[in-house]
Protein backbone atom coordinates (compact mmCIF):
# COMPACT_ATOMS: atom_id res chain seq x y z
CA MET A 1 0.00 0.00 0.00
CA THR A 2 1.26 3.48 -0.80
CA ILE A 3 -0.25 6.90 -0.20
CA LYS A 4 2.44 9.07 -1.80
CA SER A 5 0.50 9.62 -5.00
CA LYS A 6 -2.69 10.83 -3.37
CA THR A 7 -3.62 14.46 -3.21
CA GLY A 8 -2.62 16.48 -0.18
CA PHE A 9 0.36 16.04 2.12
CA ALA A 10 1.41 12.47 2.97
CA TYR A 11 1.31 13.12 6.71
CA GLN A 12 -2.42 13.97 6.45
CA ALA A 13 -3.20 10.58 4.96
CA VAL A 14 -1.10 8.86 7.63
CA TYR A 15 -2.92 10.90 10.28
CA ARG A 16 -6.31 9.78 8.92
CA TYR A 17 -5.15 6.15 8.77
CA LEU A 18 -3.96 6.20 12.38
CA SER A 19 -7.14 7.95 13.51
CA ALA A 20 -9.19 5.15 11.97
CA LEU A 21 -7.07 2.53 13.77
CA ILE A 22 -7.63 4.31 17.08
CA GLU A 23 -11.39 4.58 16.54
CA GLU A 24 -11.60 0.83 15.89
CA GLY A 25 -10.28 0.07 19.37
CA GLU A 26 -12.34 -0.74 22.44
CA PRO A 27 -13.48 2.38 24.33
CA GLU A 28 -10.79 3.57 26.77
CA VAL A 29 -8.69 0.40 26.28
CA PRO A 30 -5.10 1.32 25.25
CA PHE A 31 -3.39 -0.84 22.62
CA LYS A 32 -0.05 -0.81 20.84
CA LEU A 33 0.18 0.89 17.46
CA PRO A 34 2.55 -0.13 14.63
CA SER A 35 6.19 0.94 14.93
CA LEU A 36 7.56 3.83 12.85
CA ARG A 37 9.46 1.57 10.47
CA ALA A 38 6.66 -0.96 10.11
CA LEU A 39 4.13 1.74 9.31
CA ALA A 40 6.49 3.53 6.92
CA SER A 41 6.97 0.27 5.03
CA ARG A 42 3.24 -0.49 5.03
CA LEU A 43 2.18 2.96 3.75
CA GLY A 44 5.17 3.69 1.53
CA VAL A 45 6.23 6.93 3.20
CA SER A 46 9.26 8.07 5.15
CA VAL A 47 9.82 7.38 8.83
CA SER A 48 9.85 11.14 9.50
CA THR A 49 6.34 11.44 8.02
CA ILE A 50 5.09 8.71 10.37
CA GLN A 51 6.87 10.41 13.28
CA TYR A 52 5.19 13.75 12.50
CA SER A 53 1.73 12.13 12.34
CA TYR A 54 2.30 10.43 15.67
CA THR A 55 3.44 13.75 17.16
CA LEU A 56 0.19 15.43 16.05
CA LEU A 57 -1.88 12.67 17.64
CA GLU A 58 0.20 12.83 20.81
CA ARG A 59 -0.46 16.56 21.13
CA GLU A 60 -4.19 15.80 20.88
CA GLY A 61 -3.91 13.24 23.66
CA ARG A 62 -4.98 10.38 21.40
CA VAL A 63 -1.69 8.45 21.61
CA TYR A 64 1.15 8.27 24.10
CA ALA A 65 4.71 6.99 23.87
CA LEU A 66 6.46 4.52 26.15
CA ALA A 67 10.25 4.42 26.16
CA LYS A 68 11.68 1.38 24.33
CA SER A 69 8.16 0.16 23.63
CA GLY A 70 6.53 2.45 21.08
CA TYR A 71 3.29 4.32 20.66
CA TYR A 72 -0.01 3.31 22.25
CA ALA A 73 -3.52 4.39 21.30
CA ARG A 74 -5.85 5.94 23.83
CA PRO A 75 -9.34 5.34 22.32
CA PRO A 76 -12.02 7.77 23.50
CA ALA A 77 -14.91 6.76 25.70
CA ARG A 78 -18.26 6.18 24.04
CA GLN A 79 -20.42 9.18 24.82
CA GLY A 80 -23.78 8.95 26.53
CA LEU A 81 -25.58 6.29 28.52
CA ALA A 82 -27.73 3.82 26.64
CA PRO A 83 -31.20 3.36 28.14
CA ASP A 84 -30.69 -0.41 28.18
CA GLY A 85 -27.63 -2.37 29.26
CA SER A 86 -25.94 -2.71 25.84
CA ASN A 87 -23.47 0.16 26.12
CA LEU A 88 -22.95 -0.61 29.80
CA LEU A 89 -21.92 -4.16 28.93
CA GLN A 90 -19.29 -2.95 26.47
CA ARG A 91 -17.87 -0.49 28.98
CA LEU A 92 -17.88 -3.04 31.80
CA GLN A 93 -16.07 -5.59 29.64
CA ALA A 94 -13.49 -2.98 28.67
CA GLY A 95 -12.97 -2.15 32.36
CA GLN A 96 -12.60 -5.84 33.22
CA ARG A 97 -9.90 -6.26 30.59
CA ARG A 98 -7.96 -3.38 32.16
CA GLN A 99 -8.39 -4.64 35.72
CA SER A 100 -5.99 -7.39 36.69
CA GLY A 101 -7.71 -10.55 37.94
CA SER A 102 -11.32 -9.55 37.23
CA LEU A 103 -11.58 -12.17 34.49
CA ALA A 104 -9.52 -14.83 36.25
CA PRO A 105 -11.10 -18.28 36.68
CA LEU A 106 -12.67 -19.13 40.03
CA LEU A 107 -10.51 -22.23 40.37
CA ALA A 108 -6.81 -22.88 39.67
CA LEU A 109 -7.22 -25.95 37.46
CA ASP A 110 -4.67 -25.10 34.78
CA GLY A 111 -2.09 -27.43 36.36
CA PRO A 112 -4.32 -30.54 36.38
CA LEU A 113 -5.63 -29.62 32.93
CA LEU A 114 -2.13 -29.49 31.43
CA ARG A 115 -1.26 -32.78 33.13
CA PHE A 116 -4.26 -34.50 31.53
CA GLU A 117 -3.44 -32.89 28.19
CA ARG A 118 0.09 -34.34 28.28
CA GLN A 119 -1.43 -37.76 28.96
CA VAL A 120 -3.72 -37.38 25.94
CA GLN A 121 -0.81 -36.26 23.75
CA ARG A 122 1.24 -39.31 24.73
CA GLN A 123 -1.72 -41.57 23.98
CA TYR A 124 -2.28 -40.12 20.52
CA THR A 125 1.36 -40.19 19.42
CA SER A 126 0.82 -43.85 18.46
CA LEU A 127 -2.82 -43.45 17.40
CA PRO A 128 -4.58 -41.54 14.61
CA ALA A 129 -5.58 -37.99 15.53
CA PRO A 130 -9.11 -37.82 16.99
CA ALA A 131 -11.79 -37.16 14.39
CA TRP A 132 -13.33 -33.70 14.29
CA ASN A 133 -16.98 -33.48 15.36
CA PRO A 134 -18.94 -30.23 14.73
CA CYS A 135 -20.92 -30.72 17.96
CA GLY A 136 -17.82 -31.31 20.09
CA ASP A 137 -15.59 -34.18 21.15
CA PRO A 138 -17.66 -37.27 22.11
CA GLU A 139 -15.57 -37.87 25.24
CA LEU A 140 -16.26 -34.39 26.62
CA ARG A 141 -19.91 -34.58 25.59
CA ARG A 142 -20.28 -37.85 27.53
CA ALA A 143 -18.59 -36.35 30.60
CA LEU A 144 -20.93 -33.33 30.58
CA ALA A 145 -24.02 -35.50 30.02
CA ALA A 146 -23.02 -37.62 33.03
CA ARG A 147 -22.78 -34.50 35.24
CA TYR A 148 -26.45 -33.71 34.57
CA THR A 149 -27.78 -37.28 34.98
CA HIS A 150 -28.99 -37.81 38.55
CA ASP A 151 -31.83 -40.32 38.20
CA GLY A 152 -33.67 -42.47 35.69
CA ALA A 153 -36.31 -39.83 35.04
CA HIS A 154 -33.82 -37.11 34.10
CA HIS A 155 -30.95 -38.63 32.15
CA TRP A 156 -28.79 -37.23 29.38
CA TYR A 157 -26.54 -38.73 26.71
CA ALA A 158 -23.59 -37.45 24.70
CA ASP A 159 -25.87 -36.76 21.71
CA HIS A 160 -27.78 -34.27 23.89
CA VAL A 161 -24.67 -32.08 24.39
CA TYR A 162 -23.48 -29.40 21.95
CA LEU A 163 -20.15 -27.63 22.46
CA GLY A 164 -19.05 -24.19 21.31
CA SER A 165 -16.03 -21.94 21.64
CA ASP A 166 -17.68 -19.64 24.19
CA LEU A 167 -21.03 -18.70 25.70
CA ARG A 168 -21.98 -16.14 23.07
CA ALA A 169 -21.31 -18.57 20.21
CA VAL A 170 -23.49 -21.27 21.78
CA LEU A 171 -26.29 -18.76 22.41
CA ASP A 172 -26.28 -17.50 18.83
CA ILE A 173 -26.31 -21.01 17.35
CA THR A 174 -29.03 -22.19 19.74
CA PHE A 175 -31.36 -19.27 19.05
CA GLU A 176 -30.78 -19.65 15.31
CA ALA A 177 -31.70 -23.35 15.52
CA LEU A 178 -34.84 -22.62 17.56
CA LYS A 179 -35.95 -19.95 15.04
CA LEU A 180 -36.86 -17.46 17.77
CA SER A 181 -37.34 -14.51 15.44
CA GLY A 182 -40.77 -13.06 16.22
CA GLN A 183 -41.37 -15.66 18.95
CA THR A 184 -42.35 -14.59 22.48
CA VAL A 185 -39.68 -15.34 25.08
CA LEU A 186 -40.09 -14.58 28.80
CA VAL A 187 -36.88 -13.76 30.66
CA ALA A 188 -36.57 -13.44 34.43
CA THR A 189 -34.65 -10.25 35.20
CA PRO A 190 -32.24 -9.11 36.47
CA GLY A 191 -30.65 -11.65 34.14
CA CYS A 192 -27.48 -12.48 32.21
CA PRO A 193 -26.61 -9.55 29.86
CA LEU A 194 -25.18 -11.90 27.21
CA ILE A 195 -28.42 -13.88 27.01
CA LEU A 196 -30.50 -10.71 26.81
CA GLN A 197 -28.31 -9.31 24.05
CA ALA A 198 -28.35 -12.57 22.08
CA LEU A 199 -32.15 -12.78 22.28
CA GLN A 200 -32.48 -9.24 20.97
CA LEU A 201 -30.16 -9.97 18.04
CA ALA A 202 -32.13 -13.15 17.31
CA GLY A 203 -35.23 -10.99 16.84
CA ALA A 204 -37.19 -12.57 19.70
CA ASN A 205 -40.19 -10.78 21.19
CA LEU A 206 -38.49 -10.46 24.57
CA ILE A 207 -40.71 -9.85 27.60
CA GLU A 208 -39.00 -9.30 30.94
CA VAL A 209 -40.50 -10.93 34.03
CA PRO A 210 -39.09 -9.05 37.05
CA LEU A 211 -37.85 -10.94 40.09
CA GLY A 212 -38.59 -9.48 43.50
CA ASP A 213 -35.76 -8.49 45.82
CA THR A 214 -35.95 -11.90 47.50
CA GLY A 215 -35.78 -13.75 44.18
CA ARG A 216 -39.50 -14.51 43.81
CA LEU A 217 -41.52 -14.18 40.61
CA ASP A 218 -44.97 -12.61 40.50
CA LEU A 219 -46.70 -15.91 39.75
CA PRO A 220 -50.23 -14.46 39.27
CA ALA A 221 -48.89 -12.01 36.66
CA LEU A 222 -46.91 -14.80 35.00
CA ARG A 223 -50.00 -17.04 34.95
CA GLU A 224 -51.97 -14.26 33.26
CA ARG A 225 -49.26 -13.82 30.64
CA LEU A 226 -49.11 -17.55 29.90
CA ASN A 227 -52.90 -17.74 29.69
CA ALA A 228 -52.76 -15.14 26.91
CA GLY A 229 -50.88 -17.77 24.87
CA GLY A 230 -48.04 -17.60 22.35
CA VAL A 231 -45.13 -17.97 24.80
CA ARG A 232 -42.39 -20.20 23.36
CA LEU A 233 -39.66 -20.14 25.99
CA LEU A 234 -38.88 -19.09 29.58
CA VAL A 235 -35.29 -18.15 30.46
CA LEU A 236 -34.32 -18.55 34.11
CA ASP A 237 -31.14 -19.03 36.14
CA ALA A 238 -30.59 -22.54 37.47
CA VAL A 239 -30.89 -23.21 41.23
CA PHE A 240 -30.70 -19.52 42.26
CA GLY A 241 -30.71 -16.07 40.68
CA ALA A 242 -27.06 -15.49 39.84
CA VAL A 243 -27.36 -11.68 39.75
CA GLN A 244 -29.30 -11.25 42.99
CA GLY A 245 -27.86 -14.26 44.79
CA GLN A 246 -31.39 -15.25 45.89
CA CYS A 247 -33.21 -18.60 45.81
CA MET A 248 -36.83 -19.11 44.76
CA PRO A 249 -38.88 -21.00 47.41
CA GLU A 250 -39.71 -24.65 46.72
CA GLU A 251 -43.44 -23.97 46.51
CA ASP A 252 -42.84 -21.24 43.89
CA LEU A 253 -40.68 -23.57 41.79
CA GLN A 254 -43.32 -26.28 41.85
CA ALA A 255 -46.07 -23.81 40.95
CA LEU A 256 -43.91 -22.50 38.10
CA ALA A 257 -43.26 -26.05 36.87
CA ASN A 258 -47.01 -26.71 36.85
CA LEU A 259 -47.60 -23.57 34.79
CA LEU A 260 -44.94 -24.47 32.22
CA ASN A 261 -46.27 -28.02 31.92
CA ARG A 262 -49.84 -26.79 31.49
CA HIS A 263 -48.94 -24.33 28.74
CA ASP A 264 -46.27 -26.48 27.04
CA VAL A 265 -43.59 -23.80 27.43
CA HIS A 266 -39.93 -24.79 27.11
CA LEU A 267 -37.33 -23.81 29.71
CA LEU A 268 -33.81 -22.50 29.06
CA GLU A 269 -31.87 -22.75 32.32
CA ASN A 270 -28.71 -20.71 32.67
CA ASP A 271 -26.46 -23.02 34.68
CA VAL A 272 -23.23 -21.02 34.38
CA GLN A 273 -23.24 -20.39 38.16
CA GLY A 274 -25.62 -23.15 39.25
CA GLU A 275 -22.81 -24.95 41.11
CA LEU A 276 -22.28 -21.93 43.37
CA CYS A 277 -25.35 -22.19 45.61
CA PHE A 278 -24.17 -22.36 49.23
CA SER A 279 -26.76 -25.00 50.15
CA ALA A 280 -28.27 -27.92 48.26
CA ALA A 281 -31.26 -26.97 46.09
CA ARG A 282 -33.21 -28.73 43.37
CA PRO A 283 -33.33 -26.91 40.03
CA LEU A 284 -36.53 -26.25 38.11
CA ARG A 285 -35.43 -28.48 35.20
CA GLU A 286 -35.84 -31.61 37.34
CA ARG A 287 -39.56 -30.88 37.65
CA LEU A 288 -40.07 -30.86 33.86
CA SER A 289 -39.81 -33.33 31.03
CA SER A 290 -36.27 -33.47 29.62
CA GLN A 291 -37.71 -32.94 26.12
CA ARG A 292 -38.71 -29.38 27.05
CA VAL A 293 -35.53 -28.39 28.90
CA LEU A 294 -32.41 -26.68 27.53
CA ILE A 295 -29.43 -26.21 29.86
CA LEU A 296 -26.80 -23.58 29.13
CA GLY A 297 -23.41 -23.93 30.77
CA SER A 298 -19.78 -22.85 30.51
CA LEU A 299 -16.41 -24.19 31.59
CA GLU A 300 -14.82 -20.72 31.59
CA PRO A 301 -15.62 -19.96 35.28
CA TRP A 302 -13.56 -23.00 36.29
CA LEU A 303 -10.87 -23.13 33.59
CA GLY A 304 -10.64 -19.55 32.32
CA THR A 305 -9.38 -18.85 28.82
CA GLU A 306 -7.45 -22.13 28.83
CA ALA A 307 -10.76 -23.87 28.06
CA SER A 308 -13.54 -21.31 27.68
CA PHE A 309 -15.85 -23.88 26.08
CA ALA A 310 -19.58 -23.38 26.55
CA TYR A 311 -22.24 -26.00 26.01
CA LEU A 312 -25.92 -26.65 25.56
CA VAL A 313 -27.63 -29.76 26.94
CA ALA A 314 -30.93 -30.47 25.21
CA ALA A 315 -32.86 -33.65 24.47
CA GLY A 316 -35.39 -31.96 22.16
CA ALA A 317 -34.93 -30.25 18.78
CA ALA A 318 -32.02 -32.61 18.07
CA LYS A 319 -32.13 -32.32 14.27
CA ALA A 320 -32.33 -28.50 14.23
CA LEU A 321 -29.57 -28.08 16.82
CA ALA A 322 -27.22 -30.60 15.15
CA GLU A 323 -27.68 -28.89 11.77
CA ALA A 324 -27.07 -25.43 13.24
CA PHE A 325 -23.82 -26.51 14.92
CA GLN A 326 -22.72 -28.27 11.73
CA ARG A 327 -23.30 -25.08 9.74
CA ARG A 328 -21.08 -23.10 12.11
CA ALA A 329 -18.47 -25.88 12.04
CA MET A 330 -16.44 -24.61 15.00
CA ARG A 331 -13.11 -26.42 15.25
CA LEU A 332 -12.36 -26.71 18.96
CA PRO A 333 -8.93 -28.08 19.98
CA PRO A 334 -9.51 -31.87 20.09
CA LEU A 335 -6.79 -32.76 22.60
CA ARG A 336 -7.79 -29.94 24.94
CA GLN A 337 -11.40 -31.17 24.85
CA LYS A 338 -10.28 -34.69 25.79
CA ALA A 339 -8.13 -33.31 28.60
CA VAL A 340 -11.14 -31.38 30.00
CA ALA A 341 -13.25 -34.55 29.75
CA ARG A 342 -10.74 -36.51 31.83
CA LEU A 343 -10.49 -33.71 34.36
CA LEU A 344 -14.26 -33.94 34.84
CA GLU A 345 -14.35 -37.74 34.86
CA HIS A 346 -11.62 -37.93 37.52
CA GLY A 347 -13.65 -35.61 39.79
CA VAL A 348 -11.03 -32.83 39.93
CA LEU A 349 -13.67 -30.10 39.57
CA ASP A 350 -16.05 -31.70 42.06
CA GLU A 351 -13.26 -32.02 44.64
CA GLN A 352 -12.61 -28.28 44.59
CA LEU A 353 -16.17 -26.96 44.40
CA PRO A 354 -16.99 -27.29 48.15
CA ALA A 355 -13.95 -25.22 49.13
CA LEU A 356 -14.78 -22.65 46.45
CA ARG A 357 -18.35 -22.29 47.75
CA MET A 358 -17.06 -21.80 51.30
CA ARG A 359 -14.56 -19.19 50.15
CA LEU A 360 -17.18 -17.27 48.17
CA GLN A 361 -19.62 -17.46 51.06
CA HIS A 362 -17.01 -16.04 53.42
CA GLN A 363 -16.10 -13.23 51.00
CA LEU A 364 -19.70 -12.27 50.25
CA TRP A 365 -20.90 -12.37 53.83
CA ARG A 366 -17.90 -10.31 54.93
CA LEU A 367 -18.59 -7.80 52.14
CA ASP A 368 -22.26 -7.78 53.18
CA ARG A 369 -21.29 -6.77 56.74
CA GLN A 370 -18.95 -4.07 55.45
CA VAL A 371 -21.62 -2.58 53.17
CA ARG A 372 -24.21 -2.54 55.92
CA SER A 373 -21.74 -0.87 58.26
CA ARG A 374 -20.21 1.69 55.89
CA LEU A 375 -22.91 2.29 53.28
CA GLY A 376 -26.09 1.50 55.15
CA ARG A 377 -27.15 5.14 54.92
CA TYR A 378 -27.42 4.82 51.14
CA LEU A 379 -27.82 1.13 50.32
CA LEU A 380 -29.92 -1.88 51.30
CA ALA A 381 -28.06 -5.19 51.09
CA TYR A 382 -29.64 -8.56 50.32
CA HIS A 383 -27.92 -11.48 52.02
CA PRO A 384 -26.79 -13.84 49.23
CA VAL A 385 -27.37 -17.60 49.21
CA GLY A 386 -24.90 -18.19 46.38
CA GLY A 387 -22.97 -16.68 43.49
CA THR A 388 -20.08 -14.27 43.08
CA GLY A 389 -21.59 -10.89 43.90
CA LEU A 390 -23.66 -8.78 46.28
CA TRP A 391 -26.92 -7.21 45.04
CA LEU A 392 -27.69 -3.79 46.54
CA ARG A 393 -30.55 -1.30 46.33
CA SER A 394 -30.29 2.45 46.76
CA ARG A 395 -32.52 3.94 49.47
CA TYR A 396 -32.90 6.98 47.21
CA PRO A 397 -33.87 7.32 43.53
CA LEU A 398 -30.26 7.41 42.30
CA ASP A 399 -29.26 6.26 38.82
CA MET A 400 -26.51 3.69 39.32
CA ARG A 401 -25.27 4.18 35.76
CA LYS A 402 -23.87 7.53 36.87
CA VAL A 403 -22.25 5.95 39.92
CA PHE A 404 -20.77 3.29 37.62
CA GLU A 405 -19.25 6.00 35.38
CA ARG A 406 -17.72 7.81 38.36
CA LEU A 407 -16.03 4.66 39.62
CA LEU A 408 -14.96 3.52 36.15
CA ALA A 409 -13.01 6.75 35.76
CA GLN A 410 -11.06 5.72 38.88
CA GLY A 411 -10.37 2.22 37.56
CA LEU A 412 -12.96 0.63 39.88
CA LEU A 413 -15.84 -1.58 38.82
CA ILE A 414 -19.40 -2.11 39.96
CA GLU A 415 -22.24 -3.54 37.88
CA PRO A 416 -25.19 -1.11 37.56
CA GLY A 417 -28.68 -2.62 37.64
CA PRO A 418 -29.72 -1.57 34.09
CA LEU A 419 -26.95 -3.85 32.79
CA PHE A 420 -29.21 -6.80 33.59
CA SER A 421 -32.24 -5.56 31.64
CA THR A 422 -33.09 -4.59 28.06
CA GLN A 423 -35.42 -1.85 29.26
CA GLY A 424 -33.11 0.07 31.57
CA SER A 425 -34.87 -1.37 34.63
CA HIS A 426 -33.28 -1.80 38.07
CA GLU A 427 -31.70 1.66 37.87
CA ARG A 428 -31.62 1.94 41.66
CA TYR A 429 -29.66 -1.30 41.99
CA LEU A 430 -26.02 -2.28 41.70
CA ARG A 431 -23.98 -5.43 42.09
CA ILE A 432 -20.49 -5.71 43.55
CA GLY A 433 -18.63 -8.78 42.32
CA VAL A 434 -15.97 -10.51 44.39
CA GLN A 435 -14.40 -12.47 41.53
CA GLY A 436 -10.82 -11.30 41.17
CA LEU A 437 -11.26 -8.71 43.97
CA ALA A 438 -8.96 -9.38 46.90
CA GLU A 439 -10.42 -8.63 50.31
CA VAL A 440 -7.78 -5.95 50.89
CA ASN A 441 -9.26 -4.03 47.93
CA HIS A 442 -12.79 -3.97 49.33
CA GLY A 443 -11.99 -0.90 51.42
CA THR A 444 -10.79 1.13 48.41
CA LEU A 445 -13.88 0.26 46.39
CA LEU A 446 -16.30 0.94 49.24
CA THR A 447 -14.70 4.30 50.04
CA ALA A 448 -14.95 5.42 46.41
CA LEU A 449 -18.51 4.08 46.22
CA ALA A 450 -19.48 5.99 49.38
CA ASN A 451 -18.16 9.23 47.90
CA ALA A 452 -19.90 8.66 44.55
CA LEU A 453 -23.20 7.91 46.28
CA ALA A 454 -22.85 10.98 48.49
CA GLU A 455 -22.25 13.23 45.48
CA GLU A 456 -25.19 11.78 43.54
CA HIS A 457 -27.39 12.09 46.61
CA GLN A 458 -26.38 15.73 47.03
CA LYS A 459 -27.32 16.41 43.39
CA LEU A 460 -30.69 14.79 44.00
CA ALA A 461 -31.23 16.90 47.11
CA VAL A 462 -30.38 20.10 45.24
CA ALA A 463 -32.69 19.12 42.37
CA THR A 464 -35.55 18.63 44.81
CA ASP A 465 -34.72 21.84 46.74
CA ARG A 466 -33.63 19.91 49.83
CA PRO A 467 -29.90 20.60 50.10
CA GLU A 468 -28.08 18.29 52.46
CA GLN A 469 -24.51 18.08 53.62
CA VAL A 470 -22.38 15.63 51.64
CA HIS A 471 -21.06 12.85 53.88
CA ARG A 472 -17.77 11.88 52.29
CA ALA A 473 -15.96 8.75 53.30
CA PRO A 474 -12.75 9.44 55.21
């Protein structure tokens, strides 16, 4: 590529090219730009021309230089707050990538995983390479099916399991196979942002069913909606609400199962955090026919990016699902899949889950006490029964998206309530996650959160002509 022959000065074209590269980046996530020599060779101009273009961008604050490393882009923040959680999700993900440890797996299983992978490699040095299967490796599919089989009435086989590269890929393929465009789907919210986003992109007629602060659904309202007809699918977290950390009572689950059976509505259970309930609980899926249940899961919470495979377990719609996964033809690493299968079959994950649940329970309950003590003036805390975060409600009509932005500017993360809705609901709520957050960092986050809440509360008081003194955290 060369830009020497184009009209105008060469540095202007280089400037425009670099500007486009910067704009393509994630909001507020720095990344390395090409070196002077590499860019000069790519664009067919002199090194001094590249240097001058970089200097212009540096004066504008759009790039910065690091000694012996090169130039780095500083992409601008996306302006404005989306009414739903879409923009919030992008900004939260960008913040997580910048924050060390926030995306780390919950368990340290990379050592055992690599050990099993070496065993598989030795085995296949004298055997033909394992055949590729578009729905995933049969050994891993069998291992996952076995994890969900607990009795003769609810059993699963390898053919019921479909593997994908990550959660979003499995969601997109599943919704494509189910042909949800124009179909009515009920989703309990606050819910998983990825599922909400995928349903919107699939063109589903998405209707949110709000969960109460204690995790209960409004069953009379749900019954009325189902009686109106046309509902294809209900999306619900498995075992407990992963966002709120609350469990639905047994009698509610049974009543909900009766409603779904009566109206022939299918259930998609999000089981990504189902293993993290602090006490034994029976999921809704075990009260329904396996033919009308779809289970969504992921290995990323346990194995991280080393094996971020996601999966769907479904006995029904076998032909449509198999064809959809074959069309996508994802080529997952075969030996890594077999290593994960053996890790599961040998009980390595199950051995560590009890200690993980105890650790999370300790962290969350300690954080709960700290919030009640330090932020009780502004926030109501809901004691969690599982999960990786604490769900909180503002005592005042404060928009937590603004609090989120204040903390994000300081490199601190909370999850504002509208993130878990497509309608911008739950604006008075926020969630503090403990994944990747050491206990010593709780104090820093809570102090900054206290100050942000105080400032937003003062603005509210001024707006309503009731000025109050701002109580800043020490």
